N, C-alpha and C. Protein backbone atom coordinates (compact mmCIF):
# COMPACT_ATOMS: atom_id res chain seq x y z
N MET A 1 131.71 107.90 87.42
CA MET A 1 131.33 106.88 89.01
C MET A 1 129.80 107.41 89.08
N GLU A 2 129.02 106.12 89.61
CA GLU A 2 128.25 106.48 90.57
C GLU A 2 128.25 106.51 91.57
N GLU A 3 127.47 107.31 92.55
CA GLU A 3 127.54 107.00 94.36
C GLU A 3 126.75 105.97 94.66
N SER A 4 126.84 105.17 95.57
CA SER A 4 126.27 104.16 95.89
C SER A 4 125.49 105.03 96.88
N PRO A 5 124.21 104.51 97.45
CA PRO A 5 123.38 105.37 98.33
C PRO A 5 123.94 104.90 99.35
N SER A 6 123.69 105.98 100.31
CA SER A 6 123.60 105.82 101.88
C SER A 6 123.04 105.25 102.74
N THR A 7 123.48 104.53 103.81
CA THR A 7 122.63 103.48 104.60
C THR A 7 121.11 104.08 104.85
N MET A 8 121.29 105.70 105.27
CA MET A 8 119.89 105.80 105.79
C MET A 8 118.81 106.01 103.86
N GLU A 9 119.89 106.78 102.79
CA GLU A 9 118.85 106.40 101.80
C GLU A 9 118.28 104.98 101.59
N SER A 10 118.86 103.75 101.62
CA SER A 10 118.51 102.56 101.28
C SER A 10 117.87 102.03 102.37
N ILE A 11 117.45 102.33 103.26
CA ILE A 11 116.75 102.24 104.55
C ILE A 11 115.34 103.14 104.50
N ARG A 12 115.40 104.19 104.05
CA ARG A 12 114.42 104.74 103.47
C ARG A 12 113.54 104.07 102.23
N LYS A 13 114.23 103.60 101.26
CA LYS A 13 114.37 102.92 100.27
C LYS A 13 113.13 101.59 100.46
N TRP A 14 113.93 100.67 101.30
CA TRP A 14 113.05 99.87 101.48
C TRP A 14 111.83 99.93 101.97
N VAL A 15 111.94 101.29 103.09
CA VAL A 15 110.63 101.62 104.16
C VAL A 15 109.38 101.97 103.11
N ILE A 16 109.69 102.47 101.96
CA ILE A 16 108.55 102.77 100.93
C ILE A 16 108.36 101.82 100.35
N ASP A 17 109.27 101.06 99.81
CA ASP A 17 108.97 99.65 99.15
C ASP A 17 107.66 98.70 100.17
N HIS A 18 108.29 98.59 101.42
CA HIS A 18 107.57 97.92 102.18
C HIS A 18 106.99 98.19 103.20
N LYS A 19 106.24 99.04 103.12
CA LYS A 19 105.24 100.03 103.80
C LYS A 19 104.55 99.24 104.98
N LEU A 20 103.81 98.58 104.44
CA LEU A 20 102.78 97.59 105.72
C LEU A 20 103.56 96.20 106.40
N ARG A 21 104.72 95.91 105.74
CA ARG A 21 106.15 95.02 106.43
C ARG A 21 106.27 95.65 107.56
N THR A 22 106.86 97.33 107.14
CA THR A 22 107.58 98.14 108.10
C THR A 22 106.21 98.26 109.23
N VAL A 23 105.36 98.26 109.14
CA VAL A 23 104.25 98.73 109.91
C VAL A 23 103.96 97.59 110.96
N GLY A 24 103.89 95.92 110.28
CA GLY A 24 103.33 94.96 111.02
C GLY A 24 105.04 94.80 111.81
N CYS A 25 106.10 94.83 111.57
CA CYS A 25 107.24 94.46 112.33
C CYS A 25 107.57 95.32 113.53
N LEU A 26 107.00 96.99 113.18
CA LEU A 26 107.21 97.52 114.14
C LEU A 26 105.98 97.04 115.41
N TRP A 27 104.78 96.83 114.84
CA TRP A 27 103.35 96.06 115.60
C TRP A 27 104.33 95.14 116.73
N LEU A 28 104.86 94.08 115.63
CA LEU A 28 105.22 93.20 116.55
C LEU A 28 106.04 93.33 117.80
N SER A 29 107.12 93.71 117.24
CA SER A 29 108.21 94.16 118.20
C SER A 29 107.56 94.75 119.02
N GLY A 30 106.39 95.53 119.32
CA GLY A 30 105.97 96.49 120.03
C GLY A 30 105.43 95.94 121.10
N ILE A 31 104.84 95.01 120.43
CA ILE A 31 103.35 94.23 121.12
C ILE A 31 104.60 92.83 122.17
N GLY A 32 105.56 92.71 121.37
CA GLY A 32 106.37 91.71 122.51
C GLY A 32 107.32 92.23 123.47
N SER A 33 107.60 93.61 123.05
CA SER A 33 108.39 94.51 124.12
C SER A 33 107.76 94.49 125.33
N SER A 34 106.09 95.14 125.01
CA SER A 34 105.24 95.39 125.98
C SER A 34 104.64 93.85 126.51
N VAL A 35 104.70 93.31 126.16
CA VAL A 35 104.35 91.48 126.96
C VAL A 35 105.72 91.50 127.70
N ALA A 36 106.47 91.41 127.99
CA ALA A 36 108.06 91.17 128.30
C ALA A 36 107.85 92.17 129.42
N TYR A 37 107.54 93.11 129.12
CA TYR A 37 107.70 94.52 130.49
C TYR A 37 106.58 94.33 131.28
N ASN A 38 105.77 94.12 130.81
CA ASN A 38 104.40 93.82 131.63
C ASN A 38 104.69 92.20 132.67
N TRP A 39 104.99 91.04 131.78
CA TRP A 39 105.45 89.97 132.66
C TRP A 39 106.29 90.26 134.05
N SER A 40 107.56 91.04 133.37
CA SER A 40 108.19 91.44 134.23
C SER A 40 107.51 92.08 135.88
N ARG A 41 106.63 92.48 136.03
CA ARG A 41 106.29 92.96 136.81
C ARG A 41 105.19 92.03 137.79
N PRO A 42 105.65 91.55 138.72
CA PRO A 42 105.47 90.47 139.89
C PRO A 42 104.12 91.13 140.38
N ASN A 43 103.37 92.05 140.96
CA ASN A 43 102.53 92.31 141.29
C ASN A 43 101.17 92.69 140.54
N MET A 44 100.99 92.06 139.57
CA MET A 44 100.15 92.63 138.56
C MET A 44 99.09 91.17 138.24
N LYS A 45 98.03 91.40 137.61
CA LYS A 45 96.97 89.79 137.26
C LYS A 45 97.32 89.79 136.29
N PRO A 46 97.30 88.65 135.58
CA PRO A 46 97.73 88.54 134.04
C PRO A 46 96.84 89.07 132.88
N SER A 47 95.35 89.56 133.83
CA SER A 47 94.67 90.15 133.00
C SER A 47 94.96 91.43 132.48
N VAL A 48 95.50 92.15 133.90
CA VAL A 48 95.81 93.39 133.61
C VAL A 48 97.14 93.77 132.81
N LYS A 49 98.23 92.81 132.76
CA LYS A 49 98.63 92.55 131.95
C LYS A 49 98.66 92.47 130.48
N ILE A 50 97.49 91.56 130.20
CA ILE A 50 97.48 91.52 128.98
C ILE A 50 96.35 92.51 128.46
N ILE A 51 95.62 93.39 129.09
CA ILE A 51 95.34 94.84 129.12
C ILE A 51 96.28 95.60 128.81
N HIS A 52 96.67 95.74 129.25
CA HIS A 52 98.41 96.87 129.31
C HIS A 52 99.22 96.57 127.99
N ALA A 53 99.07 95.58 127.71
CA ALA A 53 99.92 95.17 126.29
C ALA A 53 99.15 95.54 125.28
N ARG A 54 97.79 95.41 125.31
CA ARG A 54 96.52 95.81 124.02
C ARG A 54 96.70 97.19 123.81
N LEU A 55 96.82 97.92 124.80
CA LEU A 55 96.77 99.37 124.98
C LEU A 55 97.91 100.25 124.29
N HIS A 56 99.40 99.37 125.00
CA HIS A 56 100.47 99.79 123.98
C HIS A 56 100.32 99.50 122.71
N ALA A 57 100.04 98.50 122.40
CA ALA A 57 100.28 97.65 121.16
C ALA A 57 98.90 99.25 120.42
N GLN A 58 98.12 98.99 120.57
CA GLN A 58 97.26 100.26 120.32
C GLN A 58 98.08 101.54 119.80
N ALA A 59 98.64 101.81 120.94
CA ALA A 59 98.78 103.09 120.90
C ALA A 59 100.23 102.83 119.48
N LEU A 60 101.29 101.68 119.56
CA LEU A 60 102.25 101.80 118.91
C LEU A 60 101.57 101.65 117.12
N THR A 61 100.72 100.82 117.00
CA THR A 61 99.95 100.78 115.79
C THR A 61 99.71 102.41 115.59
N LEU A 62 99.29 103.21 116.04
CA LEU A 62 98.44 104.39 115.33
C LEU A 62 99.84 105.38 115.16
N ALA A 63 101.08 104.65 115.85
CA ALA A 63 101.81 105.86 115.76
C ALA A 63 102.44 105.43 114.62
N ALA A 64 103.00 103.82 114.41
CA ALA A 64 103.45 103.43 112.81
C ALA A 64 102.69 103.78 111.58
N LEU A 65 101.05 103.92 111.76
CA LEU A 65 100.33 104.59 110.66
C LEU A 65 100.61 105.75 110.20
N ALA A 66 100.84 106.79 111.74
CA ALA A 66 101.07 107.71 111.19
C ALA A 66 101.96 108.27 111.11
N GLY A 67 103.56 107.17 111.25
CA GLY A 67 104.54 107.41 110.44
C GLY A 67 104.59 107.31 108.82
N ALA A 68 103.94 106.10 108.98
CA ALA A 68 103.76 105.68 107.35
C ALA A 68 103.22 107.01 106.41
N ALA A 69 101.77 107.14 106.76
CA ALA A 69 101.21 108.64 106.46
C ALA A 69 102.00 109.58 106.25
N LEU A 70 102.83 110.04 106.93
CA LEU A 70 103.88 111.52 107.06
C LEU A 70 104.96 110.63 105.75
N VAL A 71 105.46 109.62 105.70
CA VAL A 71 106.29 108.97 104.28
C VAL A 71 105.62 109.39 102.98
N GLU A 72 104.31 108.61 103.21
CA GLU A 72 103.75 108.81 101.69
C GLU A 72 103.76 110.06 101.56
N TYR A 73 103.13 110.86 102.76
CA TYR A 73 103.02 112.42 102.21
C TYR A 73 104.28 113.34 101.65
N TYR A 74 105.29 112.72 102.12
CA TYR A 74 106.64 113.45 102.13
C TYR A 74 107.07 113.12 100.64
N ASP A 75 106.57 111.44 100.21
CA ASP A 75 107.14 111.08 98.96
C ASP A 75 106.00 111.72 97.83
N HIS A 76 105.02 112.08 97.84
CA HIS A 76 103.94 112.49 97.23
C HIS A 76 104.27 113.84 97.06
N ARG A 77 105.03 114.63 98.20
CA ARG A 77 105.30 116.19 97.86
C ARG A 77 106.66 116.22 97.31
N THR A 78 107.55 115.24 97.05
CA THR A 78 108.78 115.62 96.47
C THR A 78 108.53 115.08 95.26
N GLY A 79 107.77 114.27 94.66
CA GLY A 79 107.94 113.39 93.94
C GLY A 79 108.59 112.38 93.37
N SER A 80 109.13 111.68 94.87
CA SER A 80 109.67 110.18 94.48
C SER A 80 108.90 108.73 94.34
N GLY A 81 107.97 109.22 95.52
CA GLY A 81 106.94 108.28 95.39
C GLY A 81 107.06 107.05 95.53
N SER A 82 105.93 105.88 95.70
CA SER A 82 106.24 104.80 95.17
C SER A 82 106.29 104.25 93.85
N LYS A 83 105.84 103.02 93.62
CA LYS A 83 105.75 101.97 92.34
C LYS A 83 104.34 102.96 92.07
N VAL A 84 103.22 102.68 92.94
CA VAL A 84 101.90 102.66 92.74
C VAL A 84 102.01 104.04 91.66
N ASN A 85 102.27 105.36 92.75
CA ASN A 85 102.55 106.90 92.16
C ASN A 85 103.07 106.71 90.94
N GLN A 86 104.14 106.35 90.21
CA GLN A 86 104.91 106.32 89.54
C GLN A 86 104.22 105.45 88.25
N TYR A 87 103.00 104.78 88.50
CA TYR A 87 102.41 103.96 87.44
C TYR A 87 101.20 104.78 87.46
N THR A 88 100.57 105.36 88.44
CA THR A 88 99.67 105.96 88.02
C THR A 88 99.72 107.53 87.45
N LYS A 89 100.77 108.12 87.73
CA LYS A 89 101.20 109.15 86.95
C LYS A 89 101.68 108.81 85.61
N GLN A 90 102.09 108.04 85.02
CA GLN A 90 102.72 107.20 84.07
C GLN A 90 100.81 107.00 83.18
N ILE A 91 100.24 106.56 83.84
CA ILE A 91 98.61 106.46 82.96
C ILE A 91 98.57 107.37 83.07
N PHE A 92 97.78 108.64 83.56
CA PHE A 92 97.37 109.59 83.22
C PHE A 92 98.18 110.72 82.45
N THR A 93 99.47 110.49 82.43
CA THR A 93 100.05 111.11 81.01
C THR A 93 99.70 110.86 79.72
N MET A 94 99.61 108.99 79.66
CA MET A 94 99.42 108.87 78.45
C MET A 94 98.00 109.33 77.67
N ASP A 95 98.12 109.33 76.31
CA ASP A 95 97.22 110.06 75.54
C ASP A 95 96.13 108.89 75.81
N THR A 96 94.49 109.27 76.23
CA THR A 96 93.83 107.96 76.49
C THR A 96 92.97 107.66 75.32
N HIS A 97 92.88 108.48 74.21
CA HIS A 97 92.06 108.67 73.19
C HIS A 97 92.76 108.69 71.90
N PRO A 98 93.99 107.51 71.68
CA PRO A 98 94.87 107.71 70.59
C PRO A 98 94.50 108.11 68.96
N GLN A 99 92.86 107.31 69.03
CA GLN A 99 92.21 108.05 67.68
C GLN A 99 92.08 109.09 67.52
N LYS A 100 92.23 109.76 66.85
CA LYS A 100 91.65 111.45 66.14
C LYS A 100 90.45 111.10 64.97
N ASP A 101 89.73 112.32 65.04
CA ASP A 101 88.82 112.67 64.37
C ASP A 101 89.28 112.91 63.18
């Protein structure tokens, strides 16, 4: 019998298959929580609140992209890779010149 994948393994596989969606969701949740936090502080001008939220969003975006790069590097090193990597490996292993002289 085959074992069902663990929760962490299924989450990892989903993240690998949906990298851009994961980065976008992290960014949206980060900017939303940053705006909510800044708007809860009463002694700041609205322009300063927006600037702080934008700075937090930029930092979260960089962190999410760095995380996606680490996942991609790990997948490349272990050989599991994404569908694109598997497809390119398949292309390069095929004989490009099927006609023989």
